Amino acid sequence: MMELIWISTAYMAGLVASRLTFPPLVGYLVAGYVLHALGIAVLPDLHHLADIGIELLLFSVGLKLKPSSLIRREVLSVGGSHLLLMAMTSALVFFWLDEHMTGGLVLGISLAFSSTVLALKVLEDNGELSSLHGRDVMSILILQDIVAIGLLALAEGKQPTPWALALLLLPLLRPIAHRVLSVSRSSELKLLLGVTLALAGGVAAESVGIAADIGALLTGIMLANHPMIKELSDRLWGLKELFLVAFFLQIGVSDLPNREQIIDALQLLVLLPLQGALFFGLFVVAGLRARTAFVSSLALMTYSEFALITTGAVVKAQLLPAEWNAIISLAVAGSLAIAAPLNRYSHRLFSWMEPVLVRLERKSEHPDRLPDSFGAAGWLVIGMGRTGGVVYKTLCKQDQRVVGLDSDPTVLEYHLAAGRRVVYGDAEDTELWSGLPLHKVKGIILTVPAFDVRLTAVAQLRKRGFTGQISSICYHGVEEQQLLKSGANFVIHPLIEAGNRLAHLMLDIRDESRQ
């Protein structure tokens, strides 16, 4: 009965939030507070289920992570500088107050961390986890988690054991892990293997004094680049989402704050824009374009769930008063509720602020710079995934000059290594469509998976005055009508085309056998 109450309340609150255009997770946060306020007994294993959800999330991230991304210039400069500035600020503030110096310093630094769960979830929901800014955000979050390990050790007076360094050897077991995944041909076995490795990494990390999510991340990296990774990720997606509901619910089951504590939490929420502005400035100084800096900063403009852990630790050590538990809990929940809808509309928000923000860009070479010339290319393929890659190769076989655009650095590296002409270009970037050199382009093929992105691209190109041909993939009949209305010359339904092709092949084989 208790399980039914919690799950059904989470569903109803999530449904209401989604109908109000908020992400469902905002409803889950509210549901936790409502159930706690009504005196409903907490599920005994809620906290444990939340931990499993975080481990599965970090494991899924590890599947797509390249270790080299952690040492990129913008990751080290932005992530490192932000933590250093926040540490110095916290030290000055609590030194000036001369109150709870040690506990306040630990808490102040922990508030500089961003929510790993929310940032990765919104990036994944927006299909941006593999984009340039998605990888930068993900890498900065991992850098923060690594620093957090040492901070938590300071707060609890604990230190990782000497065996902690052995965790770095986990990715070296990749050949064995790849082999095990290859022989796990059943979908159920793949799912069980993924969960087993995620939990095993967590147990191994905790046994040497390291956070469990770091171990799950490392076991995910151990499987990275396997041909079956996409299938494994798809299988884990629904299970991971279910467990993460427990994470958002358990935030609201702490003690309800009183009036003074609510005011303190609101004061912390007022500081969130300053954290976002600091991230934006550091990204711009690192050489990123204003758009990339803006959407990355929004993803990082939260208070981390890690702050809940450190607050409990410093309160337990009597370095801070007990009321800080309720204050930080509300501040973290509030930051997640604010950041979730902002991230959902991050590209639209930037389009409104673009005239002002682009003036802050540095006049230098950007790693996310837009192409200024396509040479003699007559065809553009936007989205160089499987479909886009086939389109590119087919046009090349017809002796056509073609250029591919994609926002995923890994995809770009793959095609460049194969000798193909591809450049960086994010289809969600409104500046891309206004600045593309299209005077020699005959046609544009849109193969990006998100329908909204394809529809906006067609509309932007026609608004700009592009008169060449535009074609697009399409998965639903209503999409076809909207794309054609916006200016697409023709669309194809890949699944329908595949079905028609299979039917024709079977009929041809039957006719040949009769002859």
Protein backbone atom coordinates (compact mmCIF):
# COMPACT_ATOMS: atom_id res chain seq x y z
CA MET A 1 0.00 0.00 0.00
CA MET A 2 2.79 2.43 0.93
CA GLU A 3 4.56 1.84 -2.39
CA LEU A 4 1.32 2.57 -4.27
CA ILE A 5 0.85 5.89 -2.46
CA TRP A 6 4.37 7.11 -3.22
CA ILE A 7 4.44 5.98 -6.84
CA SER A 8 0.95 7.24 -7.68
CA THR A 9 1.62 10.61 -6.01
CA ALA A 10 4.85 10.97 -7.97
CA TYR A 11 2.97 10.16 -11.18
CA MET A 12 0.18 12.67 -10.54
CA ALA A 13 2.60 15.43 -9.53
CA GLY A 14 4.78 14.72 -12.56
CA LEU A 15 1.72 14.77 -14.83
CA VAL A 16 0.57 18.13 -13.46
CA ALA A 17 4.09 19.57 -13.86
CA SER A 18 4.32 18.40 -17.47
CA ARG A 19 0.89 19.88 -18.26
CA LEU A 20 2.19 23.19 -16.89
CA THR A 21 5.18 22.88 -19.30
CA PHE A 22 7.59 22.00 -16.45
CA PRO A 23 9.71 18.85 -16.63
CA PRO A 24 8.19 15.97 -14.60
CA LEU A 25 11.10 16.06 -12.15
CA VAL A 26 9.75 19.33 -10.75
CA GLY A 27 6.58 17.43 -9.87
CA TYR A 28 8.59 14.69 -8.19
CA LEU A 29 10.30 17.29 -5.99
CA VAL A 30 6.93 18.74 -4.99
CA ALA A 31 5.53 15.25 -4.36
CA GLY A 32 8.31 14.53 -1.86
CA TYR A 33 7.53 17.66 0.14
CA VAL A 34 3.75 17.04 0.00
CA LEU A 35 4.04 13.44 1.19
CA HIS A 36 6.37 14.47 4.00
CA ALA A 37 4.07 17.34 5.04
CA LEU A 38 1.11 14.95 5.19
CA GLY A 39 3.03 12.66 7.51
CA ILE A 40 3.13 9.75 5.06
CA ALA A 41 5.75 7.27 6.20
CA VAL A 42 8.91 7.28 4.06
CA LEU A 43 9.58 4.17 2.01
CA PRO A 44 12.31 2.24 3.85
CA ASP A 45 14.49 1.80 0.79
CA LEU A 46 13.85 5.18 -0.88
CA HIS A 47 17.36 6.49 -0.24
CA HIS A 48 18.90 3.24 -1.47
CA LEU A 49 16.81 3.34 -4.66
CA ALA A 50 17.95 6.93 -5.24
CA ASP A 51 21.60 5.86 -4.92
CA ILE A 52 21.04 3.12 -7.52
CA GLY A 53 19.50 5.67 -9.88
CA ILE A 54 22.54 7.95 -9.61
CA GLU A 55 24.90 5.02 -10.19
CA LEU A 56 22.98 3.95 -13.30
CA LEU A 57 23.03 7.54 -14.56
CA LEU A 58 26.79 7.88 -14.12
CA PHE A 59 27.33 4.44 -15.64
CA SER A 60 25.35 5.54 -18.72
CA VAL A 61 27.47 8.69 -18.93
CA GLY A 62 30.65 6.61 -18.77
CA LEU A 63 29.47 4.60 -21.77
CA LYS A 64 29.69 7.76 -23.88
CA LEU A 65 32.70 9.40 -22.25
CA LYS A 66 36.18 9.79 -23.68
CA PRO A 67 38.78 10.28 -20.91
CA SER A 68 40.66 12.77 -23.10
CA SER A 69 37.68 15.16 -22.83
CA LEU A 70 38.56 15.77 -19.16
CA ILE A 71 41.83 17.48 -20.05
CA ARG A 72 40.43 19.89 -22.62
CA ARG A 73 41.41 23.52 -22.10
CA GLU A 74 37.91 24.84 -21.44
CA VAL A 75 37.19 22.04 -18.96
CA LEU A 76 40.26 22.63 -16.80
CA SER A 77 40.23 26.43 -17.08
CA VAL A 78 36.50 26.94 -16.51
CA GLY A 79 35.91 24.13 -14.00
CA GLY A 80 39.12 24.78 -12.06
CA SER A 81 38.80 28.58 -12.02
CA HIS A 82 35.17 28.44 -10.91
CA LEU A 83 35.96 26.17 -7.95
CA LEU A 84 38.98 28.29 -6.97
CA LEU A 85 37.03 31.56 -7.09
CA MET A 86 34.14 30.10 -5.09
CA ALA A 87 36.54 28.67 -2.49
CA MET A 88 38.24 32.05 -2.06
CA THR A 89 34.89 33.84 -1.81
CA SER A 90 33.58 31.41 0.79
CA ALA A 91 36.75 31.73 2.84
CA LEU A 92 36.52 35.55 2.85
CA VAL A 93 32.81 35.56 3.74
CA PHE A 94 33.08 33.19 6.68
CA PHE A 95 36.32 34.80 7.87
CA TRP A 96 34.50 38.13 7.89
CA LEU A 97 31.53 36.64 9.77
CA ASP A 98 33.95 34.83 12.11
CA GLU A 99 31.30 32.14 12.59
CA HIS A 100 31.56 28.40 11.91
CA MET A 101 34.65 28.97 9.79
CA THR A 102 35.49 25.37 8.91
CA GLY A 103 31.94 24.13 8.40
CA GLY A 104 30.98 27.25 6.45
CA LEU A 105 33.99 26.93 4.18
CA VAL A 106 33.19 23.30 3.36
CA LEU A 107 29.54 24.19 2.74
CA GLY A 108 30.44 27.22 0.63
CA ILE A 109 32.69 25.20 -1.65
CA SER A 110 30.10 22.43 -1.97
CA LEU A 111 27.53 25.01 -3.13
CA ALA A 112 29.88 25.78 -6.03
CA PHE A 113 29.17 22.30 -7.41
CA SER A 114 26.37 21.86 -9.93
CA SER A 115 23.76 19.13 -9.93
CA THR A 116 25.10 16.18 -11.89
CA VAL A 117 21.72 14.48 -12.00
CA LEU A 118 19.78 17.45 -13.36
CA ALA A 119 22.41 18.64 -15.84
CA LEU A 120 22.92 15.22 -17.38
CA LYS A 121 19.19 14.53 -17.43
CA VAL A 122 18.26 17.76 -19.23
CA LEU A 123 21.12 17.31 -21.70
CA GLU A 124 19.98 13.78 -22.39
CA ASP A 125 16.32 14.80 -22.72
CA ASN A 126 17.33 17.58 -25.15
CA GLY A 127 19.51 15.19 -27.16
CA GLU A 128 22.58 17.32 -26.39
CA LEU A 129 24.67 14.92 -24.34
CA SER A 130 26.99 14.28 -27.29
CA SER A 131 27.19 17.91 -28.45
CA LEU A 132 30.24 20.08 -27.83
CA HIS A 133 28.68 21.98 -24.94
CA GLY A 134 27.14 18.76 -23.59
CA ARG A 135 30.57 17.13 -23.39
CA ASP A 136 32.08 20.22 -21.76
CA VAL A 137 29.33 20.31 -19.12
CA MET A 138 29.66 16.58 -18.50
CA SER A 139 33.44 16.84 -18.11
CA ILE A 140 33.19 19.79 -15.71
CA LEU A 141 30.68 17.85 -13.62
CA ILE A 142 33.07 14.90 -13.42
CA LEU A 143 35.91 17.26 -12.44
CA GLN A 144 33.67 18.61 -9.68
CA ASP A 145 32.86 15.09 -8.50
CA ILE A 146 36.56 14.29 -8.23
CA VAL A 147 37.15 17.41 -6.12
CA ALA A 148 34.05 16.54 -4.09
CA ILE A 149 35.63 13.29 -2.96
CA GLY A 150 38.40 15.16 -1.19
CA LEU A 151 35.96 17.72 0.22
CA LEU A 152 33.73 15.03 1.68
CA ALA A 153 36.76 13.35 3.22
CA LEU A 154 37.60 16.67 4.90
CA ALA A 155 34.03 17.12 6.14
CA GLU A 156 33.82 13.61 7.59
CA GLY A 157 37.43 13.40 8.69
CA LYS A 158 37.94 10.38 6.42
CA GLN A 159 40.43 9.67 3.69
CA PRO A 160 40.32 7.24 0.76
CA THR A 161 42.39 4.13 1.32
CA PRO A 162 45.65 3.65 -0.61
CA TRP A 163 43.76 1.11 -2.74
CA ALA A 164 41.64 3.93 -4.18
CA LEU A 165 44.19 4.45 -6.95
CA ALA A 166 43.46 0.91 -8.11
CA LEU A 167 40.07 2.14 -9.37
CA LEU A 168 41.89 3.94 -12.18
CA LEU A 169 42.84 0.49 -13.49
CA LEU A 170 39.20 -0.45 -14.12
CA PRO A 171 39.18 0.91 -17.70
CA LEU A 172 42.17 -1.36 -18.43
CA LEU A 173 39.80 -4.33 -18.09
CA ARG A 174 38.07 -3.13 -21.27
CA PRO A 175 39.01 -6.19 -23.43
CA ILE A 176 37.40 -8.56 -20.92
CA ALA A 177 34.32 -6.36 -20.46
CA HIS A 178 33.90 -6.00 -24.23
CA ARG A 179 34.11 -9.75 -24.65
CA VAL A 180 31.49 -10.38 -21.96
CA LEU A 181 29.14 -7.85 -23.57
CA SER A 182 29.67 -9.44 -26.99
CA VAL A 183 28.62 -12.89 -25.76
CA SER A 184 25.57 -11.41 -23.98
CA ARG A 185 23.39 -11.51 -27.08
CA SER A 186 20.01 -11.46 -25.37
CA SER A 187 18.58 -8.01 -24.59
CA GLU A 188 17.78 -9.12 -21.05
CA LEU A 189 21.35 -10.27 -20.51
CA LYS A 190 22.71 -6.94 -21.75
CA LEU A 191 20.48 -5.10 -19.30
CA LEU A 192 21.52 -7.36 -16.41
CA LEU A 193 25.18 -6.98 -17.33
CA GLY A 194 24.88 -3.18 -17.36
CA VAL A 195 23.19 -3.06 -13.96
CA THR A 196 25.69 -5.56 -12.54
CA LEU A 197 28.71 -3.57 -13.70
CA ALA A 198 27.24 -0.26 -12.48
CA LEU A 199 26.56 -1.67 -9.00
CA ALA A 200 29.88 -3.54 -8.93
CA GLY A 201 31.72 -0.30 -9.69
CA GLY A 202 29.83 1.43 -6.88
CA VAL A 203 30.63 -1.31 -4.37
CA ALA A 204 34.30 -1.33 -5.38
CA ALA A 205 34.53 2.46 -4.99
CA GLU A 206 32.85 2.51 -1.59
CA SER A 207 35.14 -0.24 -0.32
CA VAL A 208 38.16 2.05 -0.83
CA GLY A 209 36.53 5.21 0.52
CA ILE A 210 35.38 6.73 -2.79
CA ALA A 211 31.86 7.81 -3.79
CA ALA A 212 29.92 4.99 -5.43
CA ASP A 213 28.94 7.06 -8.47
CA ILE A 214 32.62 7.51 -9.42
CA GLY A 215 33.03 3.72 -9.52
CA ALA A 216 29.92 3.37 -11.68
CA LEU A 217 31.31 6.02 -14.02
CA LEU A 218 34.61 4.15 -14.39
CA THR A 219 32.90 0.84 -15.20
CA GLY A 220 30.88 2.69 -17.83
CA ILE A 221 34.10 4.02 -19.37
CA MET A 222 35.37 0.43 -19.35
CA LEU A 223 32.63 -0.50 -21.86
CA ALA A 224 32.85 2.66 -23.96
CA ASN A 225 33.25 2.36 -27.76
CA HIS A 226 31.75 -1.14 -27.89
CA PRO A 227 29.51 -1.63 -30.99
CA MET A 228 26.57 -2.63 -28.76
CA ILE A 229 26.76 0.44 -26.52
CA LYS A 230 23.71 2.14 -28.06
CA GLU A 231 21.56 -0.93 -27.49
CA LEU A 232 22.79 -1.21 -23.91
CA SER A 233 22.12 2.49 -23.28
CA ASP A 234 18.61 2.19 -24.68
CA ARG A 235 17.90 -0.79 -22.44
CA LEU A 236 19.15 1.05 -19.35
CA TRP A 237 17.25 4.26 -20.10
CA GLY A 238 13.82 3.33 -18.72
CA LEU A 239 15.23 1.58 -15.64
CA LYS A 240 17.50 4.50 -14.87
CA GLU A 241 14.62 7.00 -15.19
CA LEU A 242 12.51 4.97 -12.76
CA PHE A 243 15.21 4.87 -10.10
CA LEU A 244 15.93 8.59 -10.53
CA VAL A 245 12.34 9.34 -9.52
CA ALA A 246 13.35 8.05 -6.08
CA PHE A 247 16.24 10.52 -6.01
CA PHE A 248 13.98 13.54 -6.58
CA LEU A 249 11.38 12.24 -4.12
CA GLN A 250 13.87 11.75 -1.32
CA ILE A 251 15.03 15.38 -1.50
CA GLY A 252 11.67 16.43 -0.08
CA VAL A 253 11.58 14.01 2.85
CA SER A 254 13.95 15.99 5.05
CA ASP A 255 12.61 18.19 7.84
CA LEU A 256 10.37 20.98 6.58
CA PRO A 257 11.97 24.41 6.97
CA ASN A 258 10.49 27.16 9.14
CA ARG A 259 9.99 30.77 8.06
CA GLU A 260 13.54 31.90 8.84
CA GLN A 261 15.04 28.91 7.09
CA ILE A 262 12.88 29.54 4.01
CA ILE A 263 14.19 33.11 3.87
CA ASP A 264 17.78 31.84 4.12
CA ALA A 265 17.13 29.33 1.33
CA LEU A 266 15.62 32.06 -0.87
CA GLN A 267 18.72 34.19 -0.31
CA LEU A 268 20.85 31.31 -1.58
CA LEU A 269 18.59 31.00 -4.64
CA VAL A 270 19.06 34.71 -5.38
CA LEU A 271 22.78 33.99 -5.76
CA LEU A 272 22.17 31.42 -8.53
CA PRO A 273 22.29 33.99 -11.38
CA LEU A 274 25.70 35.08 -10.11
CA GLN A 275 26.92 31.50 -10.40
CA GLY A 276 25.54 31.32 -13.94
CA ALA A 277 27.14 34.66 -14.84
CA LEU A 278 30.49 33.46 -13.50
CA PHE A 279 30.32 30.31 -15.59
CA PHE A 280 29.34 32.33 -18.66
CA GLY A 281 32.24 34.73 -18.22
CA LEU A 282 34.74 31.92 -17.76
CA PHE A 283 33.47 30.08 -20.85
CA VAL A 284 33.76 33.23 -22.95
CA VAL A 285 37.28 33.91 -21.66
CA ALA A 286 38.16 30.30 -22.55
CA GLY A 287 37.27 31.13 -26.16
CA LEU A 288 33.79 29.67 -26.60
CA ARG A 289 31.06 31.47 -28.50
CA ALA A 290 28.33 33.23 -26.53
CA ARG A 291 25.69 30.64 -27.44
CA THR A 292 27.78 27.70 -26.28
CA ALA A 293 28.75 29.56 -23.10
CA PHE A 294 25.11 30.46 -22.37
CA VAL A 295 23.55 27.00 -22.72
CA SER A 296 26.47 25.45 -20.82
CA SER A 297 26.09 27.96 -17.99
CA LEU A 298 22.36 27.29 -17.68
CA ALA A 299 23.04 23.56 -17.37
CA LEU A 300 25.52 24.25 -14.54
CA MET A 301 23.43 26.92 -12.76
CA THR A 302 22.18 24.71 -9.94
CA TYR A 303 23.15 23.64 -6.46
CA SER A 304 24.40 20.09 -6.31
CA GLU A 305 22.79 17.19 -4.50
CA PHE A 306 26.32 16.76 -3.11
CA ALA A 307 25.63 19.80 -0.90
CA LEU A 308 23.03 17.70 0.93
CA ILE A 309 25.70 15.14 1.77
CA THR A 310 28.34 17.61 2.94
CA THR A 311 25.80 19.56 5.00
CA GLY A 312 24.82 16.40 6.84
CA ALA A 313 28.48 15.61 7.43
CA VAL A 314 29.44 19.03 8.82
CA VAL A 315 26.28 19.17 10.97
CA LYS A 316 27.07 15.72 12.35
CA ALA A 317 30.59 16.92 13.15
CA GLN A 318 29.02 19.93 14.95
CA LEU A 319 30.70 22.38 12.57
CA LEU A 320 27.33 23.92 11.61
CA PRO A 321 23.93 24.23 13.38
CA ALA A 322 21.37 21.50 12.57
CA GLU A 323 18.96 23.94 10.85
CA TRP A 324 21.31 24.08 7.84
CA ASN A 325 20.04 20.65 6.78
CA ALA A 326 16.58 22.09 6.04
CA ILE A 327 17.99 25.28 4.47
CA ILE A 328 20.26 23.46 2.02
CA SER A 329 17.60 20.87 1.21
CA LEU A 330 15.16 23.60 0.17
CA ALA A 331 17.86 25.54 -1.70
CA VAL A 332 18.91 22.48 -3.70
CA ALA A 333 15.29 21.57 -4.49
CA GLY A 334 14.53 25.15 -5.48
CA SER A 335 17.55 25.36 -7.76
CA LEU A 336 16.51 22.17 -9.55
CA ALA A 337 12.95 23.44 -9.98
CA ILE A 338 14.23 26.75 -11.41
CA ALA A 339 16.92 25.28 -13.66
CA ALA A 340 14.82 22.52 -15.22
CA PRO A 341 12.43 24.76 -17.23
CA LEU A 342 15.22 27.24 -18.04
CA ASN A 343 17.28 24.46 -19.60
CA ARG A 344 14.28 23.20 -21.53
CA TYR A 345 14.03 26.57 -23.30
CA SER A 346 17.74 27.47 -23.24
CA HIS A 347 18.04 27.97 -27.01
CA ARG A 348 14.92 30.15 -27.13
CA LEU A 349 16.19 32.21 -24.21
CA PHE A 350 19.50 32.75 -25.95
CA SER A 351 17.79 33.91 -29.14
CA TRP A 352 16.15 36.69 -27.09
CA MET A 353 19.43 37.72 -25.45
CA GLU A 354 21.68 37.10 -28.44
CA PRO A 355 22.14 40.76 -29.54
CA VAL A 356 23.64 41.59 -26.14
CA LEU A 357 25.58 38.41 -25.38
CA VAL A 358 27.39 38.09 -28.71
CA ARG A 359 29.11 41.41 -28.03
CA LEU A 360 30.95 39.72 -25.17
CA GLU A 361 32.62 37.11 -27.38
CA ARG A 362 36.38 37.21 -27.71
CA LYS A 363 37.80 37.91 -31.15
CA SER A 364 39.73 34.67 -31.44
CA GLU A 365 39.51 31.19 -32.87
CA HIS A 366 36.65 29.31 -31.22
CA PRO A 367 36.54 25.51 -30.94
CA ASP A 368 32.85 25.86 -31.79
CA ARG A 369 33.31 28.42 -34.57
CA LEU A 370 30.91 28.45 -37.48
CA PRO A 371 32.11 27.58 -40.98
CA ASP A 372 32.88 30.63 -43.13
CA SER A 373 33.22 28.79 -46.43
CA PHE A 374 32.25 25.50 -48.06
CA GLY A 375 34.46 26.02 -51.09
CA ALA A 376 32.87 24.54 -54.21
CA ALA A 377 30.53 22.23 -52.30
CA GLY A 378 27.04 22.08 -53.75
CA TRP A 379 25.37 19.88 -51.11
CA LEU A 380 25.15 20.07 -47.31
CA VAL A 381 24.23 17.16 -45.04
CA ILE A 382 23.10 18.39 -41.63
CA GLY A 383 23.56 15.54 -39.16
CA MET A 384 26.25 12.97 -39.94
CA GLY A 385 24.81 9.98 -38.11
CA ARG A 386 24.00 6.71 -39.86
CA THR A 387 21.50 8.21 -42.29
CA GLY A 388 23.55 11.33 -42.92
CA GLY A 389 26.70 9.27 -43.45
CA VAL A 390 24.97 7.15 -46.11
CA VAL A 391 23.65 10.29 -47.84
CA TYR A 392 27.16 11.76 -47.85
CA LYS A 393 28.76 8.64 -49.35
CA THR A 394 26.02 8.25 -51.97
CA LEU A 395 26.45 11.84 -53.18
CA CYS A 396 30.21 11.37 -53.33
CA LYS A 397 29.76 8.27 -55.52
CA GLN A 398 27.77 10.46 -57.89
CA ASP A 399 30.79 12.80 -58.13
CA GLN A 400 29.02 15.52 -56.16
CA ARG A 401 30.85 17.94 -53.90
CA VAL A 402 29.39 17.59 -50.43
CA VAL A 403 30.09 18.83 -46.88
CA GLY A 404 28.70 17.32 -43.68
CA LEU A 405 27.84 19.25 -40.51
CA ASP A 406 27.49 17.81 -37.01
CA SER A 407 27.77 19.03 -33.41
CA ASP A 408 29.18 15.80 -31.95
CA PRO A 409 33.01 15.98 -31.70
CA THR A 410 33.25 12.17 -31.78
CA VAL A 411 31.23 11.97 -34.99
CA LEU A 412 33.41 14.65 -36.55
CA GLU A 413 36.60 12.83 -35.58
CA TYR A 414 35.28 9.59 -37.07
CA HIS A 415 34.42 11.11 -40.44
CA LEU A 416 37.58 13.22 -40.61
CA ALA A 417 39.65 10.08 -40.00
CA ALA A 418 37.84 8.49 -42.95
CA GLY A 419 38.86 11.40 -45.18
CA ARG A 420 35.43 13.01 -45.39
CA ARG A 421 34.88 16.76 -45.41
CA VAL A 422 32.91 17.55 -42.26
CA VAL A 423 32.79 20.66 -40.08
CA TYR A 424 31.27 21.66 -36.77
CA GLY A 425 27.73 22.94 -36.88
CA ASP A 426 24.92 22.72 -34.31
CA ALA A 427 21.51 22.57 -35.99
CA GLU A 428 19.91 24.19 -32.91
CA ASP A 429 22.12 27.25 -33.30
CA THR A 430 20.03 30.05 -34.85
CA GLU A 431 23.24 31.85 -35.77
CA LEU A 432 24.21 28.88 -37.92
CA TRP A 433 21.34 29.44 -40.35
CA SER A 434 21.88 33.18 -40.58
CA GLY A 435 25.61 32.88 -41.21
CA LEU A 436 26.05 29.81 -43.42
CA PRO A 437 27.80 30.60 -46.75
CA LEU A 438 25.09 29.19 -49.04
CA HIS A 439 25.65 31.08 -52.31
CA LYS A 440 27.03 27.96 -54.07
CA VAL A 441 24.86 25.37 -52.31
CA LYS A 442 22.27 23.57 -54.47
CA GLY A 443 20.57 21.54 -51.77
CA ILE A 444 20.49 20.76 -48.06
CA ILE A 445 19.60 17.38 -46.53
CA LEU A 446 18.41 17.39 -42.90
CA THR A 447 18.93 14.09 -41.05
CA VAL A 448 19.06 15.29 -37.44
CA PRO A 449 16.71 13.15 -35.28
CA ALA A 450 14.79 15.94 -33.47
CA PHE A 451 11.73 17.08 -35.43
CA ASP A 452 11.66 20.57 -33.87
CA VAL A 453 15.23 21.16 -34.99
CA ARG A 454 14.47 20.08 -38.57
CA LEU A 455 11.34 22.22 -38.71
CA THR A 456 13.15 25.30 -37.38
CA ALA A 457 16.03 24.75 -39.82
CA VAL A 458 13.70 24.66 -42.83
CA ALA A 459 11.88 27.80 -41.68
CA GLN A 460 15.13 29.68 -40.97
CA LEU A 461 16.63 28.77 -44.34
CA ARG A 462 13.57 29.93 -46.26
CA LYS A 463 13.31 33.08 -44.16
CA ARG A 464 16.89 33.87 -45.08
CA GLY A 465 16.04 33.54 -48.76
CA PHE A 466 17.65 30.22 -49.62
CA THR A 467 16.11 29.04 -52.90
CA GLY A 468 17.84 25.68 -53.26
CA GLN A 469 16.30 22.30 -52.53
CA ILE A 470 15.69 21.20 -48.94
CA SER A 471 14.94 17.60 -48.04
CA SER A 472 14.38 16.03 -44.66
CA ILE A 473 13.75 12.73 -42.95
CA CYS A 474 10.34 12.30 -41.33
CA TYR A 475 8.78 9.74 -38.98
CA HIS A 476 5.12 10.80 -38.70
CA GLY A 477 2.50 12.06 -41.13
CA VAL A 478 1.86 15.25 -39.18
CA GLU A 479 5.59 16.04 -39.37
CA GLU A 480 5.52 15.77 -43.17
CA GLN A 481 2.75 18.34 -43.48
CA GLN A 482 4.53 20.85 -41.25
CA LEU A 483 7.88 20.41 -42.97
CA LEU A 484 6.39 20.89 -46.42
CA LYS A 485 4.41 23.91 -45.23
CA SER A 486 7.62 25.47 -43.83
CA GLY A 487 9.37 25.15 -47.18
CA ALA A 488 10.86 21.67 -47.54
CA ASN A 489 10.78 20.41 -51.15
CA PHE A 490 10.28 16.79 -50.16
CA VAL A 491 10.57 14.44 -47.20
CA ILE A 492 11.06 10.71 -46.82
CA HIS A 493 9.89 8.30 -44.14
CA PRO A 494 12.92 6.03 -43.45
CA LEU A 495 10.86 3.30 -41.83
CA ILE A 496 8.23 3.31 -44.58
CA GLU A 497 10.93 3.36 -47.25
CA ALA A 498 12.65 0.42 -45.57
CA GLY A 499 9.37 -1.53 -45.51
CA ASN A 500 8.65 -0.79 -49.16
CA ARG A 501 12.18 -1.77 -50.16
CA LEU A 502 11.96 -5.08 -48.28
CA ALA A 503 8.61 -5.90 -49.89
CA HIS A 504 9.92 -5.17 -53.39
CA LEU A 505 13.04 -7.27 -52.78
CA MET A 506 10.95 -10.22 -51.62
CA LEU A 507 8.67 -9.95 -54.67
CA ASP A 508 11.67 -9.73 -57.01
CA ILE A 509 13.18 -12.86 -55.45
CA ARG A 510 9.86 -14.70 -55.81
CA ASP A 511 9.54 -13.70 -59.47
CA GLU A 512 13.11 -14.80 -60.20
CA SER A 513 12.50 -18.19 -58.57
CA ARG A 514 9.46 -18.78 -60.78
CA GLN A 515 11.36 -18.12 -63.97
